[in-house]
Amino acid sequence: MSLDWLYQVILDRQANPLPQSYTATLFEAGIGRIAQKVGEEAAETLVAALAEDEARLVSEIADLTYHVLVLMAARGISPQAVQAELERRHR
């Protein structure tokens, strides 16, 4: 599974929400709730980096990555746009 694949699943949940989909509930709650989740996951990632084992840190990074991808989808930002920005910074 790649991040592009996950992003496509997120876009599908945005376009075709399912009642039991956590992703769909985030989109329904709106950009404020999505941004809040990114902040919560970032804080949990920091705590795990400082005080938890590697498995916990990996889990928190996965949660953070997922929520950032949801935020990107909500704002219409593609992974390619982020990749292009990173490439621009390293020229």
PDB file of N, CA and C in Angstrom:
ATOM      1  N   MET A   1       0.856  -1.181   0.000  1.00  0.00           N
ATOM      2  CA  MET A   1       0.000   0.000   0.000  1.00  0.00           C
ATOM      3  C   MET A   1       0.895   1.234   0.000  1.00  0.00           C
ATOM      4  N   SER A   2       0.629   2.140  -0.890  1.00  0.00           N
ATOM      5  CA  SER A   2       1.391   3.385  -0.971  1.00  0.00           C
ATOM      6  C   SER A   2       0.547   4.546  -0.438  1.00  0.00           C
ATOM      7  N   LEU A   3       1.214   5.657  -0.210  1.00  0.00           N
ATOM      8  CA  LEU A   3       0.481   6.845   0.225  1.00  0.00           C
ATOM      9  C   LEU A   3      -0.464   7.332  -0.869  1.00  0.00           C
ATOM     10  N   ASP A   4      -0.052   7.171  -2.132  1.00  0.00           N
ATOM     11  CA  ASP A   4      -0.952   7.552  -3.227  1.00  0.00           C
ATOM     12  C   ASP A   4      -2.215   6.708  -3.206  1.00  0.00           C
ATOM     13  N   TRP A   5      -2.055   5.405  -2.941  1.00  0.00           N
ATOM     14  CA  TRP A   5      -3.218   4.521  -2.865  1.00  0.00           C
ATOM     15  C   TRP A   5      -4.139   4.970  -1.738  1.00  0.00           C
ATOM     16  N   LEU A   6      -3.569   5.230  -0.567  1.00  0.00           N
ATOM     17  CA  LEU A   6      -4.366   5.681   0.571  1.00  0.00           C
ATOM     18  C   LEU A   6      -5.063   6.997   0.258  1.00  0.00           C
ATOM     19  N   TYR A   7      -4.364   7.908  -0.394  1.00  0.00           N
ATOM     20  CA  TYR A   7      -4.973   9.187  -0.765  1.00  0.00           C
ATOM     21  C   TYR A   7      -6.165   8.959  -1.698  1.00  0.00           C
ATOM     22  N   GLN A   8      -6.053   8.027  -2.626  1.00  0.00           N
ATOM     23  CA  GLN A   8      -7.158   7.716  -3.536  1.00  0.00           C
ATOM     24  C   GLN A   8      -8.352   7.134  -2.775  1.00  0.00           C
ATOM     25  N   VAL A   9      -8.089   6.294  -1.781  1.00  0.00           N
ATOM     26  CA  VAL A   9      -9.173   5.763  -0.941  1.00  0.00           C
ATOM     27  C   VAL A   9      -9.853   6.907  -0.203  1.00  0.00           C
ATOM     28  N   ILE A  10      -9.069   7.834   0.330  1.00  0.00           N
ATOM     29  CA  ILE A  10      -9.620   8.988   1.039  1.00  0.00           C
ATOM     30  C   ILE A  10     -10.490   9.822   0.098  1.00  0.00           C
ATOM     31  N   LEU A  11     -10.010  10.072  -1.116  1.00  0.00           N
ATOM     32  CA  LEU A  11     -10.806  10.821  -2.090  1.00  0.00           C
ATOM     33  C   LEU A  11     -12.107  10.107  -2.410  1.00  0.00           C
ATOM     34  N   ASP A  12     -12.048   8.773  -2.499  1.00  0.00           N
ATOM     35  CA  ASP A  12     -13.264   7.997  -2.765  1.00  0.00           C
ATOM     36  C   ASP A  12     -14.259   8.133  -1.620  1.00  0.00           C
ATOM     37  N   ARG A  13     -13.767   8.103  -0.382  1.00  0.00           N
ATOM     38  CA  ARG A  13     -14.669   8.272   0.768  1.00  0.00           C
ATOM     39  C   ARG A  13     -15.270   9.674   0.795  1.00  0.00           C
ATOM     40  N   GLN A  14     -14.508  10.649   0.314  1.00  0.00           N
ATOM     41  CA  GLN A  14     -15.016  12.016   0.240  1.00  0.00           C
ATOM     42  C   GLN A  14     -16.136  12.110  -0.794  1.00  0.00           C
ATOM     43  N   ALA A  15     -15.924  11.483  -1.947  1.00  0.00           N
ATOM     44  CA  ALA A  15     -16.898  11.553  -3.040  1.00  0.00           C
ATOM     45  C   ALA A  15     -18.074  10.606  -2.833  1.00  0.00           C
ATOM     46  N   ASN A  16     -17.828   9.488  -2.182  1.00  0.00           N
ATOM     47  CA  ASN A  16     -18.841   8.446  -1.992  1.00  0.00           C
ATOM     48  C   ASN A  16     -18.881   8.021  -0.529  1.00  0.00           C
ATOM     49  N   PRO A  17     -19.382   8.906   0.345  1.00  0.00           N
ATOM     50  CA  PRO A  17     -19.333   8.609   1.774  1.00  0.00           C
ATOM     51  C   PRO A  17     -20.169   7.381   2.137  1.00  0.00           C
ATOM     52  N   LEU A  18     -19.589   6.566   3.009  1.00  0.00           N
ATOM     53  CA  LEU A  18     -20.291   5.412   3.565  1.00  0.00           C
ATOM     54  C   LEU A  18     -20.597   5.716   5.021  1.00  0.00           C
ATOM     55  N   PRO A  19     -21.786   5.335   5.503  1.00  0.00           N
ATOM     56  CA  PRO A  19     -22.169   5.680   6.880  1.00  0.00           C
ATOM     57  C   PRO A  19     -21.185   5.177   7.936  1.00  0.00           C
ATOM     58  N   GLN A  20     -20.573   4.034   7.716  1.00  0.00           N
ATOM     59  CA  GLN A  20     -19.664   3.459   8.710  1.00  0.00           C
ATOM     60  C   GLN A  20     -18.213   3.902   8.526  1.00  0.00           C
ATOM     61  N   SER A  21     -17.941   4.791   7.584  1.00  0.00           N
ATOM     62  CA  SER A  21     -16.580   5.207   7.273  1.00  0.00           C
ATOM     63  C   SER A  21     -16.118   6.341   8.188  1.00  0.00           C
ATOM     64  N   TYR A  22     -15.021   6.092   8.914  1.00  0.00           N
ATOM     65  CA  TYR A  22     -14.434   7.134   9.755  1.00  0.00           C
ATOM     66  C   TYR A  22     -14.015   8.318   8.903  1.00  0.00           C
ATOM     67  N   THR A  23     -13.452   8.041   7.746  1.00  0.00           N
ATOM     68  CA  THR A  23     -13.011   9.111   6.852  1.00  0.00           C
ATOM     69  C   THR A  23     -14.194   9.988   6.453  1.00  0.00           C
ATOM     70  N   ALA A  24     -15.300   9.371   6.102  1.00  0.00           N
ATOM     71  CA  ALA A  24     -16.489  10.139   5.724  1.00  0.00           C
ATOM     72  C   ALA A  24     -16.981  10.999   6.881  1.00  0.00           C
ATOM     73  N   THR A  25     -16.898  10.475   8.110  1.00  0.00           N
ATOM     74  CA  THR A  25     -17.344  11.279   9.253  1.00  0.00           C
ATOM     75  C   THR A  25     -16.440  12.490   9.464  1.00  0.00           C
ATOM     76  N   LEU A  26     -15.153  12.337   9.172  1.00  0.00           N
ATOM     77  CA  LEU A  26     -14.256  13.489   9.267  1.00  0.00           C
ATOM     78  C   LEU A  26     -14.653  14.564   8.254  1.00  0.00           C
ATOM     79  N   PHE A  27     -14.883  14.158   7.016  1.00  0.00           N
ATOM     80  CA  PHE A  27     -15.284  15.127   6.001  1.00  0.00           C
ATOM     81  C   PHE A  27     -16.600  15.810   6.385  1.00  0.00           C
ATOM     82  N   GLU A  28     -17.528  15.034   6.927  1.00  0.00           N
ATOM     83  CA  GLU A  28     -18.815  15.595   7.336  1.00  0.00           C
ATOM     84  C   GLU A  28     -18.635  16.610   8.468  1.00  0.00           C
ATOM     85  N   ALA A  29     -17.693  16.350   9.362  1.00  0.00           N
ATOM     86  CA  ALA A  29     -17.458  17.251  10.496  1.00  0.00           C
ATOM     87  C   ALA A  29     -16.823  18.569  10.063  1.00  0.00           C
ATOM     88  N   GLY A  30     -16.112  18.546   8.946  1.00  0.00           N
ATOM     89  CA  GLY A  30     -15.568  19.787   8.410  1.00  0.00           C
ATOM     90  C   GLY A  30     -14.091  19.992   8.667  1.00  0.00           C
ATOM     91  N   ILE A  31     -13.576  21.027   8.034  1.00  0.00           N
ATOM     92  CA  ILE A  31     -12.150  21.311   8.049  1.00  0.00           C
ATOM     93  C   ILE A  31     -11.625  21.597   9.464  1.00  0.00           C
ATOM     94  N   GLY A  32     -12.434  22.217  10.295  1.00  0.00           N
ATOM     95  CA  GLY A  32     -12.004  22.494  11.662  1.00  0.00           C
ATOM     96  C   GLY A  32     -11.717  21.222  12.439  1.00  0.00           C
ATOM     97  N   ARG A  33     -12.581  20.251  12.326  1.00  0.00           N
ATOM     98  CA  ARG A  33     -12.391  18.979  13.026  1.00  0.00           C
ATOM     99  C   ARG A  33     -11.209  18.215  12.440  1.00  0.00           C
ATOM    100  N   ILE A  34     -11.070  18.251  11.121  1.00  0.00           N
ATOM    101  CA  ILE A  34      -9.943  17.575  10.481  1.00  0.00           C
ATOM    102  C   ILE A  34      -8.627  18.193  10.963  1.00  0.00           C
ATOM    103  N   ALA A  35      -8.553  19.508  10.970  1.00  0.00           N
ATOM    104  CA  ALA A  35      -7.338  20.195  11.440  1.00  0.00           C
ATOM    105  C   ALA A  35      -7.072  19.880  12.903  1.00  0.00           C
ATOM    106  N   GLN A  36      -8.116  19.815  13.708  1.00  0.00           N
ATOM    107  CA  GLN A  36      -7.963  19.465  15.116  1.00  0.00           C
ATOM    108  C   GLN A  36      -7.359  18.071  15.258  1.00  0.00           C
ATOM    109  N   LYS A  37      -7.826  17.120  14.444  1.00  0.00           N
ATOM    110  CA  LYS A  37      -7.289  15.761  14.497  1.00  0.00           C
ATOM    111  C   LYS A  37      -5.812  15.745  14.103  1.00  0.00           C
ATOM    112  N   VAL A  38      -5.425  16.545  13.124  1.00  0.00           N
ATOM    113  CA  VAL A  38      -4.009  16.628  12.749  1.00  0.00           C
ATOM    114  C   VAL A  38      -3.196  17.119  13.945  1.00  0.00           C
ATOM    115  N   GLY A  39      -3.689  18.131  14.626  1.00  0.00           N
ATOM    116  CA  GLY A  39      -2.997  18.645  15.801  1.00  0.00           C
ATOM    117  C   GLY A  39      -2.895  17.610  16.910  1.00  0.00           C
ATOM    118  N   GLU A  40      -3.977  16.902  17.168  1.00  0.00           N
ATOM    119  CA  GLU A  40      -3.958  15.862  18.201  1.00  0.00           C
ATOM    120  C   GLU A  40      -2.957  14.769  17.855  1.00  0.00           C
ATOM    121  N   GLU A  41      -2.970  14.342  16.609  1.00  0.00           N
ATOM    122  CA  GLU A  41      -2.059  13.276  16.187  1.00  0.00           C
ATOM    123  C   GLU A  41      -0.602  13.749  16.196  1.00  0.00           C
ATOM    124  N   ALA A  42      -0.380  15.015  15.863  1.00  0.00           N
ATOM    125  CA  ALA A  42       0.980  15.560  15.929  1.00  0.00           C
ATOM    126  C   ALA A  42       1.480  15.539  17.370  1.00  0.00           C
ATOM    127  N   ALA A  43       0.630  15.936  18.310  1.00  0.00           N
ATOM    128  CA  ALA A  43       1.017  15.917  19.720  1.00  0.00           C
ATOM    129  C   ALA A  43       1.292  14.492  20.187  1.00  0.00           C
ATOM    130  N   GLU A  44       0.460  13.550  19.785  1.00  0.00           N
ATOM    131  CA  GLU A  44       0.673  12.153  20.170  1.00  0.00           C
ATOM    132  C   GLU A  44       1.965  11.609  19.554  1.00  0.00           C
ATOM    133  N   THR A  45       2.296  12.056  18.356  1.00  0.00           N
ATOM    134  CA  THR A  45       3.545  11.644  17.722  1.00  0.00           C
ATOM    135  C   THR A  45       4.737  12.193  18.504  1.00  0.00           C
ATOM    136  N   LEU A  46       4.654  13.432  18.940  1.00  0.00           N
ATOM    137  CA  LEU A  46       5.728  14.021  19.749  1.00  0.00           C
ATOM    138  C   LEU A  46       5.937  13.254  21.046  1.00  0.00           C
ATOM    139  N   VAL A  47       4.858  12.940  21.724  1.00  0.00           N
ATOM    140  CA  VAL A  47       4.958  12.192  22.976  1.00  0.00           C
ATOM    141  C   VAL A  47       5.584  10.823  22.715  1.00  0.00           C
ATOM    142  N   ALA A  48       5.133  10.152  21.675  1.00  0.00           N
ATOM    143  CA  ALA A  48       5.684   8.829  21.356  1.00  0.00           C
ATOM    144  C   ALA A  48       7.165   8.919  21.016  1.00  0.00           C
ATOM    145  N   ALA A  49       7.561   9.969  20.316  1.00  0.00           N
ATOM    146  CA  ALA A  49       8.972  10.137  19.954  1.00  0.00           C
ATOM    147  C   ALA A  49       9.847  10.306  21.189  1.00  0.00           C
ATOM    148  N   LEU A  50       9.302  10.952  22.192  1.00  0.00           N
ATOM    149  CA  LEU A  50      10.079  11.253  23.394  1.00  0.00           C
ATOM    150  C   LEU A  50      10.002  10.171  24.470  1.00  0.00           C
ATOM    151  N   ALA A  51       8.904   9.402  24.495  1.00  0.00           N
ATOM    152  CA  ALA A  51       8.705   8.541  25.662  1.00  0.00           C
ATOM    153  C   ALA A  51       8.188   7.140  25.374  1.00  0.00           C
ATOM    154  N   GLU A  52       8.017   6.790  24.117  1.00  0.00           N
ATOM    155  CA  GLU A  52       7.436   5.482  23.803  1.00  0.00           C
ATOM    156  C   GLU A  52       8.409   4.648  22.981  1.00  0.00           C
ATOM    157  N   ASP A  53       8.058   3.392  22.795  1.00  0.00           N
ATOM    158  CA  ASP A  53       8.906   2.516  21.988  1.00  0.00           C
ATOM    159  C   ASP A  53       8.674   2.752  20.495  1.00  0.00           C
ATOM    160  N   GLU A  54       9.488   2.112  19.682  1.00  0.00           N
ATOM    161  CA  GLU A  54       9.432   2.328  18.236  1.00  0.00           C
ATOM    162  C   GLU A  54       8.083   1.938  17.647  1.00  0.00           C
ATOM    163  N   ALA A  55       7.495   0.845  18.114  1.00  0.00           N
ATOM    164  CA  ALA A  55       6.204   0.406  17.579  1.00  0.00           C
ATOM    165  C   ALA A  55       5.127   1.465  17.813  1.00  0.00           C
ATOM    166  N   ARG A  56       5.136   2.058  18.995  1.00  0.00           N
ATOM    167  CA  ARG A  56       4.151   3.105  19.298  1.00  0.00           C
ATOM    168  C   ARG A  56       4.388   4.339  18.436  1.00  0.00           C
ATOM    169  N   LEU A  57       5.645   4.695  18.238  1.00  0.00           N
ATOM    170  CA  LEU A  57       5.969   5.838  17.394  1.00  0.00           C
ATOM    171  C   LEU A  57       5.522   5.593  15.960  1.00  0.00           C
ATOM    172  N   VAL A  58       5.776   4.412  15.445  1.00  0.00           N
ATOM    173  CA  VAL A  58       5.332   4.077  14.081  1.00  0.00           C
ATOM    174  C   VAL A  58       3.813   4.195  13.982  1.00  0.00           C
ATOM    175  N   SER A  59       3.105   3.702  14.976  1.00  0.00           N
ATOM    176  CA  SER A  59       1.643   3.783  14.987  1.00  0.00           C
ATOM    177  C   SER A  59       1.162   5.226  14.972  1.00  0.00           C
ATOM    178  N   GLU A  60       1.786   6.068  15.772  1.00  0.00           N
ATOM    179  CA  GLU A  60       1.388   7.482  15.818  1.00  0.00           C
ATOM    180  C   GLU A  60       1.738   8.208  14.520  1.00  0.00           C
ATOM    181  N   ILE A  61       2.876   7.879  13.930  1.00  0.00           N
ATOM    182  CA  ILE A  61       3.232   8.486  12.638  1.00  0.00           C
ATOM    183  C   ILE A  61       2.218   8.074  11.578  1.00  0.00           C
ATOM    184  N   ALA A  62       1.774   6.827  11.609  1.00  0.00           N
ATOM    185  CA  ALA A  62       0.753   6.366  10.661  1.00  0.00           C
ATOM    186  C   ALA A  62      -0.546   7.149  10.848  1.00  0.00           C
ATOM    187  N   ASP A  63      -0.961   7.337  12.100  1.00  0.00           N
ATOM    188  CA  ASP A  63      -2.172   8.119  12.370  1.00  0.00           C
ATOM    189  C   ASP A  63      -2.029   9.553  11.867  1.00  0.00           C
ATOM    190  N   LEU A  64      -0.882  10.154  12.148  1.00  0.00           N
ATOM    191  CA  LEU A  64      -0.637  11.530  11.708  1.00  0.00           C
ATOM    192  C   LEU A  64      -0.655  11.622  10.180  1.00  0.00           C
ATOM    193  N   THR A  65       0.006  10.697   9.531  1.00  0.00           N
ATOM    194  CA  THR A  65       0.055  10.698   8.065  1.00  0.00           C
ATOM    195  C   THR A  65      -1.338  10.587   7.472  1.00  0.00           C
ATOM    196  N   TYR A  66      -2.132   9.672   7.986  1.00  0.00           N
ATOM    197  CA  TYR A  66      -3.509   9.505   7.513  1.00  0.00           C
ATOM    198  C   TYR A  66      -4.293  10.812   7.658  1.00  0.00           C
ATOM    199  N   HIS A  67      -4.229  11.418   8.832  1.00  0.00           N
ATOM    200  CA  HIS A  67      -5.010  12.637   9.053  1.00  0.00           C
ATOM    201  C   HIS A  67      -4.500  13.803   8.203  1.00  0.00           C
ATOM    202  N   VAL A  68      -3.201  13.877   7.953  1.00  0.00           N
ATOM    203  CA  VAL A  68      -2.670  14.906   7.052  1.00  0.00           C
ATOM    204  C   VAL A  68      -3.209  14.677   5.637  1.00  0.00           C
ATOM    205  N   LEU A  69      -3.275  13.430   5.202  1.00  0.00           N
ATOM    206  CA  LEU A  69      -3.828  13.148   3.870  1.00  0.00           C
ATOM    207  C   LEU A  69      -5.308  13.526   3.788  1.00  0.00           C
ATOM    208  N   VAL A  70      -6.054  13.308   4.857  1.00  0.00           N
ATOM    209  CA  VAL A  70      -7.461  13.734   4.881  1.00  0.00           C
ATOM    210  C   VAL A  70      -7.539  15.256   4.787  1.00  0.00           C
ATOM    211  N   LEU A  71      -6.689  15.950   5.527  1.00  0.00           N
ATOM    212  CA  LEU A  71      -6.650  17.414   5.462  1.00  0.00           C
ATOM    213  C   LEU A  71      -6.325  17.882   4.047  1.00  0.00           C
ATOM    214  N   MET A  72      -5.345  17.249   3.437  1.00  0.00           N
ATOM    215  CA  MET A  72      -4.979  17.605   2.059  1.00  0.00           C
ATOM    216  C   MET A  72      -6.168  17.429   1.125  1.00  0.00           C
ATOM    217  N   ALA A  73      -6.858  16.308   1.239  1.00  0.00           N
ATOM    218  CA  ALA A  73      -8.020  16.058   0.387  1.00  0.00           C
ATOM    219  C   ALA A  73      -9.112  17.098   0.628  1.00  0.00           C
ATOM    220  N   ALA A  74      -9.337  17.433   1.884  1.00  0.00           N
ATOM    221  CA  ALA A  74     -10.367  18.422   2.217  1.00  0.00           C
ATOM    222  C   ALA A  74     -10.057  19.779   1.619  1.00  0.00           C
ATOM    223  N   ARG A  75      -8.767  20.096   1.511  1.00  0.00           N
ATOM    224  CA  ARG A  75      -8.359  21.378   0.944  1.00  0.00           C
ATOM    225  C   ARG A  75      -8.022  21.290  -0.547  1.00  0.00           C
ATOM    226  N   GLY A  76      -8.142  20.109  -1.144  1.00  0.00           N
ATOM    227  CA  GLY A  76      -7.877  19.953  -2.568  1.00  0.00           C
ATOM    228  C   GLY A  76      -6.399  19.963  -2.922  1.00  0.00           C
ATOM    229  N   ILE A  77      -5.567  19.528  -1.999  1.00  0.00           N
ATOM    230  CA  ILE A  77      -4.116  19.495  -2.218  1.00  0.00           C
ATOM    231  C   ILE A  77      -3.702  18.057  -2.485  1.00  0.00           C
ATOM    232  N   SER A  78      -3.029  17.839  -3.584  1.00  0.00           N
ATOM    233  CA  SER A  78      -2.611  16.486  -3.954  1.00  0.00           C
ATOM    234  C   SER A  78      -1.239  16.160  -3.373  1.00  0.00           C
ATOM    235  N   PRO A  79      -0.947  14.879  -3.216  1.00  0.00           N
ATOM    236  CA  PRO A  79       0.404  14.500  -2.808  1.00  0.00           C
ATOM    237  C   PRO A  79       1.456  14.993  -3.804  1.00  0.00           C
ATOM    238  N   GLN A  80       1.084  15.072  -5.065  1.00  0.00           N
ATOM    239  CA  GLN A  80       2.013  15.555  -6.078  1.00  0.00           C
ATOM    240  C   GLN A  80       2.382  17.023  -5.845  1.00  0.00           C
ATOM    241  N   ALA A  81       1.445  17.808  -5.355  1.00  0.00           N
ATOM    242  CA  ALA A  81       1.735  19.213  -5.042  1.00  0.00           C
ATOM    243  C   ALA A  81       2.764  19.312  -3.912  1.00  0.00           C
ATOM    244  N   VAL A  82       2.620  18.455  -2.912  1.00  0.00           N
ATOM    245  CA  VAL A  82       3.577  18.444  -1.803  1.00  0.00           C
ATOM    246  C   VAL A  82       4.932  17.955  -2.299  1.00  0.00           C
ATOM    247  N   GLN A  83       4.913  16.914  -3.110  1.00  0.00           N
ATOM    248  CA  GLN A  83       6.167  16.402  -3.664  1.00  0.00           C
ATOM    249  C   GLN A  83       6.869  17.466  -4.495  1.00  0.00           C
ATOM    250  N   ALA A  84       6.118  18.203  -5.307  1.00  0.00           N
ATOM    251  CA  ALA A  84       6.707  19.264  -6.127  1.00  0.00           C
ATOM    252  C   ALA A  84       7.340  20.342  -5.251  1.00  0.00           C
ATOM    253  N   GLU A  85       6.682  20.671  -4.145  1.00  0.00           N
ATOM    254  CA  GLU A  85       7.241  21.677  -3.228  1.00  0.00           C
ATOM    255  C   GLU A  85       8.539  21.172  -2.598  1.00  0.00           C
ATOM    256  N   LEU A  86       8.551  19.910  -2.190  1.00  0.00           N
ATOM    257  CA  LEU A  86       9.774  19.347  -1.613  1.00  0.00           C
ATOM    258  C   LEU A  86      10.906  19.327  -2.630  1.00  0.00           C
ATOM    259  N   GLU A  87      10.589  18.969  -3.862  1.00  0.00           N
ATOM    260  CA  GLU A  87      11.607  18.970  -4.912  1.00  0.00           C
ATOM    261  C   GLU A  87      12.114  20.387  -5.174  1.00  0.00           C
ATOM    262  N   ARG A  88      11.216  21.373  -5.181  1.00  0.00           N
ATOM    263  CA  ARG A  88      11.616  22.762  -5.394  1.00  0.00           C
ATOM    264  C   ARG A  88      12.595  23.212  -4.317  1.00  0.00           C
ATOM    265  N   ARG A  89      12.364  22.780  -3.092  1.00  0.00           N
ATOM    266  CA  ARG A  89      13.222  23.180  -1.972  1.00  0.00           C
ATOM    267  C   ARG A  89      14.614  22.562  -2.049  1.00  0.00           C
ATOM    268  N   HIS A  90      14.754  21.505  -2.786  1.00  0.00           N
ATOM    269  CA  HIS A  90      16.033  20.788  -2.821  1.00  0.00           C
ATOM    270  C   HIS A  90      16.747  20.879  -4.163  1.00  0.00           C
ATOM    271  N   ARG A  91      16.404  21.899  -4.913  1.00  0.00           N
ATOM    272  CA  ARG A  91      17.100  22.112  -6.198  1.00  0.00           C
ATOM    273  C   ARG A  91      18.351  22.910  -5.983  1.00  0.00           C
TER     274      ARG A  91
END
